[in-house]
Amino acid sequence: MRSGVFSTRGPCRWAGVRRYLRSVAMFRLQGSKVLAVEMTGDAVKAKNGSMVAYDGQMAFKKLTGGGEGLRGMVTRRLTGEQMTVMEVRGQGTCWFADRASEINLVRLAGDRLFVESSNLLATEEGLRTGTTFTGLRGASQGNGLFTTTVEGHGQAAILSDGPAVVLRVTPQYPLIVDPGAYVAHQGNVRQSFQSGVTFRTLLGEGGGEAFQIRFEGDGLVYVQPSERNTVAGDV
């Protein structure tokens, strides 16, 4: 058998393939609002308090600073990007949910996902989380000027208020998004902050100047059919 290539001859080699495929936690949705994670001694990082049930043997540990130690904790305090994470490790199945929010699975293949910290439910153990500067868009949501990043190989589960819509951004077709509806984005995408006028603004129902996020490049943007409150005014 050549290095890095599995041979499927013989039962012992099939057992090796199965062990390899089961070396990471398996994410699956039960309905649209519950995430089931099957573990065989490995671990996942999840939003603190999001466990709703488990079977088998599980151990729970709160991670300081979102699982990034002192440096991560200091960064998040400075940026205002709040994120409390726990590590779940064990044998069996653990179920996660958060206030009946919709759950969306995102598979990363060495790329990076940008997501609001409040919308991140769980990640595979091998994925790295961090904090990055996003410019004025963060100010429009009252979450600071930074957002959470997830990168590497594996799956992440993100939350949305209602079923999320995945919109494509291409060089020919940039995308304009309401900051209150924004959940996450991935790919080679640039974002900028711009003022805009909405129907509610024209009716005099806006609380101030309206703002929008403009995405350009090539990638995906996740939006929810519900708007969170924003500091920069109703959008």
Protein backbone atom coordinates (compact mmCIF):
# COMPACT_ATOMS: atom_id res chain seq x y z
CA MET A 1 0.00 0.00 0.00
CA ARG A 2 1.41 3.37 -1.03
CA SER A 3 1.81 6.06 1.60
CA GLY A 4 -1.35 8.13 2.06
CA VAL A 5 -3.54 5.70 0.05
CA PHE A 6 -5.95 3.26 1.70
CA SER A 7 -6.19 -0.27 0.39
CA THR A 8 -9.58 -1.94 0.83
CA ARG A 9 -8.33 -5.51 0.59
CA GLY A 10 -9.05 -7.58 3.70
CA PRO A 11 -11.20 -6.94 6.76
CA CYS A 12 -8.38 -5.46 8.84
CA ARG A 13 -7.82 -2.73 6.26
CA TRP A 14 -11.52 -1.94 6.15
CA ALA A 15 -11.35 -1.54 9.93
CA GLY A 16 -8.50 0.94 9.47
CA VAL A 17 -10.57 2.95 6.99
CA ARG A 18 -13.50 3.05 9.42
CA ARG A 19 -11.27 4.19 12.28
CA TYR A 20 -9.86 6.93 10.07
CA LEU A 21 -13.30 8.14 9.02
CA ARG A 22 -14.48 8.14 12.67
CA SER A 23 -11.44 10.01 13.99
CA VAL A 24 -13.39 13.28 14.11
CA ALA A 25 -16.77 14.24 15.55
CA MET A 26 -19.69 13.74 13.17
CA PHE A 27 -22.16 16.64 12.88
CA ARG A 28 -25.77 16.04 11.80
CA LEU A 29 -29.01 17.97 12.16
CA GLN A 30 -32.09 16.54 13.87
CA GLY A 31 -34.77 18.75 12.41
CA SER A 32 -33.58 22.29 11.84
CA LYS A 33 -33.05 23.44 15.43
CA VAL A 34 -31.04 20.67 17.08
CA LEU A 35 -27.45 19.65 16.32
CA ALA A 36 -26.41 16.06 17.12
CA VAL A 37 -22.67 15.42 17.42
CA GLU A 38 -21.39 11.86 17.56
CA MET A 39 -18.04 11.51 19.34
CA THR A 40 -15.65 8.61 19.83
CA GLY A 41 -13.23 10.11 22.34
CA ASP A 42 -12.71 13.34 20.43
CA ALA A 43 -14.04 16.80 21.31
CA VAL A 44 -15.98 19.77 19.99
CA LYS A 45 -16.12 23.41 21.01
CA ALA A 46 -19.63 24.74 21.56
CA LYS A 47 -21.45 27.81 22.83
CA ASN A 48 -21.52 27.72 26.60
CA GLY A 49 -24.83 26.36 27.91
CA SER A 50 -26.01 25.05 24.52
CA MET A 51 -26.01 21.35 25.49
CA VAL A 52 -29.58 20.05 25.75
CA ALA A 53 -28.97 16.27 26.12
CA TYR A 54 -26.32 13.57 25.78
CA ASP A 55 -25.82 9.83 26.07
CA GLY A 56 -22.65 7.88 26.81
CA GLN A 57 -19.78 9.45 28.75
CA MET A 58 -19.18 13.20 28.33
CA ALA A 59 -16.93 15.73 30.07
CA PHE A 60 -17.59 19.47 29.92
CA LYS A 61 -15.00 22.20 30.43
CA LYS A 62 -15.41 25.96 30.12
CA LEU A 63 -12.73 27.50 27.93
CA THR A 64 -11.30 30.88 28.91
CA GLY A 65 -11.37 33.49 26.14
CA GLY A 66 -13.21 31.35 23.61
CA GLY A 67 -10.68 28.54 23.74
CA GLU A 68 -7.69 30.75 22.89
CA GLY A 69 -6.20 31.19 26.35
CA LEU A 70 -5.16 34.54 27.83
CA ARG A 71 -4.34 36.17 24.48
CA GLY A 72 -7.77 35.35 23.07
CA MET A 73 -9.50 36.52 26.23
CA VAL A 74 -7.68 39.90 26.20
CA THR A 75 -8.38 40.37 22.49
CA ARG A 76 -12.08 39.74 22.91
CA ARG A 77 -12.32 42.11 25.87
CA LEU A 78 -10.60 44.88 23.91
CA THR A 79 -12.73 44.36 20.81
CA GLY A 80 -16.04 43.72 22.51
CA GLU A 81 -16.55 40.49 20.56
CA GLN A 82 -18.00 38.43 23.42
CA MET A 83 -17.76 34.66 23.10
CA THR A 84 -18.08 32.08 25.89
CA VAL A 85 -17.16 28.57 24.79
CA MET A 86 -17.09 25.12 26.38
CA GLU A 87 -15.24 21.98 25.32
CA VAL A 88 -17.23 18.76 25.20
CA ARG A 89 -15.25 15.52 25.02
CA GLY A 90 -16.35 11.92 25.28
CA GLN A 91 -17.93 8.82 23.83
CA GLY A 92 -21.52 8.97 22.62
CA THR A 93 -23.86 11.59 21.21
CA CYS A 94 -24.36 15.13 22.45
CA TRP A 95 -27.22 17.37 21.34
CA PHE A 96 -26.93 21.17 21.11
CA ALA A 97 -29.48 23.96 20.57
CA ASP A 98 -29.86 27.64 21.39
CA ARG A 99 -33.24 29.33 22.01
CA ALA A 100 -34.93 27.40 19.18
CA SER A 101 -32.73 29.13 16.59
CA GLU A 102 -32.25 27.56 13.18
CA ILE A 103 -28.93 25.72 12.76
CA ASN A 104 -26.89 25.75 9.57
CA LEU A 105 -23.89 23.49 8.88
CA VAL A 106 -20.89 24.99 7.09
CA ARG A 107 -18.01 22.81 5.83
CA LEU A 108 -14.59 24.44 5.64
CA ALA A 109 -11.81 23.10 3.43
CA GLY A 110 -8.87 25.16 4.59
CA ASP A 111 -10.74 28.44 4.14
CA ARG A 112 -12.03 30.97 6.67
CA LEU A 113 -15.53 31.71 7.92
CA PHE A 114 -16.41 35.14 9.34
CA VAL A 115 -19.34 34.93 11.76
CA GLU A 116 -20.90 37.05 14.48
CA SER A 117 -19.95 35.50 17.83
CA SER A 118 -23.59 35.27 18.92
CA ASN A 119 -24.33 33.19 15.79
CA LEU A 120 -21.60 30.55 16.33
CA LEU A 121 -22.96 27.37 17.96
CA ALA A 122 -20.24 24.71 17.59
CA THR A 123 -17.06 23.77 15.75
CA GLU A 124 -15.02 20.64 15.30
CA GLU A 125 -12.01 20.42 17.59
CA GLY A 126 -9.49 20.95 14.77
CA LEU A 127 -10.93 24.27 13.61
CA ARG A 128 -9.21 27.41 14.85
CA THR A 129 -11.16 30.42 16.11
CA GLY A 130 -9.91 33.98 16.23
CA THR A 131 -10.91 37.64 16.06
CA THR A 132 -10.41 39.96 13.10
CA PHE A 133 -10.97 43.63 12.30
CA THR A 134 -13.97 44.20 10.02
CA GLY A 135 -14.17 47.97 9.87
CA LEU A 136 -17.25 50.06 10.39
CA ARG A 137 -19.72 47.23 9.81
CA GLY A 138 -19.18 46.05 13.36
CA ALA A 139 -20.04 49.48 14.73
CA SER A 140 -23.43 49.36 13.02
CA GLN A 141 -24.35 46.30 15.05
CA GLY A 142 -23.00 47.40 18.38
CA ASN A 143 -20.63 44.40 18.47
CA GLY A 144 -17.45 46.44 18.21
CA LEU A 145 -15.23 46.67 15.12
CA PHE A 146 -14.27 43.00 15.14
CA THR A 147 -15.88 39.66 14.37
CA THR A 148 -15.11 36.00 15.02
CA THR A 149 -13.24 33.87 12.49
CA VAL A 150 -13.24 30.09 12.09
CA GLU A 151 -10.67 28.43 9.82
CA GLY A 152 -9.21 25.07 8.92
CA HIS A 153 -10.72 21.77 7.81
CA GLY A 154 -14.00 20.59 9.30
CA GLN A 155 -17.56 21.63 10.08
CA ALA A 156 -19.01 24.56 11.97
CA ALA A 157 -22.62 25.06 13.06
CA ILE A 158 -23.99 28.60 12.91
CA LEU A 159 -27.27 29.98 14.21
CA SER A 160 -29.86 32.15 12.50
CA ASP A 161 -33.18 33.67 13.53
CA GLY A 162 -35.29 31.81 10.99
CA PRO A 163 -33.96 29.70 8.08
CA ALA A 164 -30.76 31.26 6.74
CA VAL A 165 -30.46 32.17 3.08
CA VAL A 166 -27.07 31.61 1.40
CA LEU A 167 -26.40 34.29 -1.23
CA ARG A 168 -23.64 34.17 -3.83
CA VAL A 169 -21.28 37.11 -4.40
CA THR A 170 -19.43 37.30 -7.73
CA PRO A 171 -17.14 39.95 -9.26
CA GLN A 172 -19.98 40.86 -11.63
CA TYR A 173 -22.69 40.98 -8.97
CA PRO A 174 -21.80 42.58 -5.61
CA LEU A 175 -24.26 42.13 -2.76
CA ILE A 176 -25.81 44.69 -0.41
CA VAL A 177 -26.92 43.35 3.00
CA ASP A 178 -28.83 44.82 5.92
CA PRO A 179 -26.40 44.68 8.89
CA GLY A 180 -29.20 43.47 11.17
CA ALA A 181 -29.77 40.45 8.91
CA TYR A 182 -26.09 39.55 8.40
CA VAL A 183 -24.95 36.25 9.95
CA ALA A 184 -21.68 35.17 8.31
CA HIS A 185 -19.65 35.05 5.10
CA GLN A 186 -16.85 33.02 3.56
CA GLY A 187 -14.67 33.06 0.47
CA ASN A 188 -12.61 35.77 -1.21
CA VAL A 189 -14.97 38.55 -0.23
CA ARG A 190 -14.32 42.21 0.56
CA GLN A 191 -16.80 44.17 2.62
CA SER A 192 -17.37 47.87 3.00
CA PHE A 193 -19.74 50.06 4.96
CA GLN A 194 -22.07 52.49 3.22
CA SER A 195 -25.08 54.64 4.00
CA GLY A 196 -28.39 53.89 2.35
CA VAL A 197 -32.09 54.63 2.36
CA THR A 198 -34.75 52.05 3.15
CA PHE A 199 -38.52 51.98 2.90
CA ARG A 200 -38.83 52.48 6.65
CA THR A 201 -36.52 55.48 6.47
CA LEU A 202 -38.79 57.03 3.83
CA LEU A 203 -41.76 56.48 6.12
CA GLY A 204 -39.98 58.29 8.92
CA GLU A 205 -39.72 55.15 11.09
CA GLY A 206 -35.93 54.98 11.11
CA GLY A 207 -34.07 55.82 14.31
CA GLY A 208 -31.22 57.57 12.49
CA GLU A 209 -29.05 57.26 9.40
CA ALA A 210 -29.47 53.91 7.63
CA PHE A 211 -26.39 51.79 6.90
CA GLN A 212 -25.70 48.81 4.67
CA ILE A 213 -22.88 46.31 4.09
CA ARG A 214 -21.53 45.95 0.55
CA PHE A 215 -19.84 42.63 -0.33
CA GLU A 216 -17.62 42.31 -3.40
CA GLY A 217 -15.51 39.46 -4.74
CA ASP A 218 -16.27 35.75 -4.91
CA GLY A 219 -17.91 33.92 -2.01
CA LEU A 220 -21.01 33.27 0.05
CA VAL A 221 -22.97 35.43 2.50
CA TYR A 222 -25.41 34.00 5.06
CA VAL A 223 -28.38 36.21 5.98
CA GLN A 224 -31.35 35.62 8.28
CA PRO A 225 -34.99 36.62 7.69
CA SER A 226 -35.00 38.67 10.88
CA GLU A 227 -33.19 41.82 11.92
CA ARG A 228 -31.31 42.30 15.18
CA ASN A 229 -31.28 45.77 16.70
CA THR A 230 -28.49 48.02 15.50
CA VAL A 231 -26.82 51.00 17.13
CA ALA A 232 -26.56 53.04 13.90
CA GLY A 233 -30.32 53.19 13.47
CA ASP A 234 -33.03 51.03 11.97
CA VAL A 235 -32.10 49.55 8.61
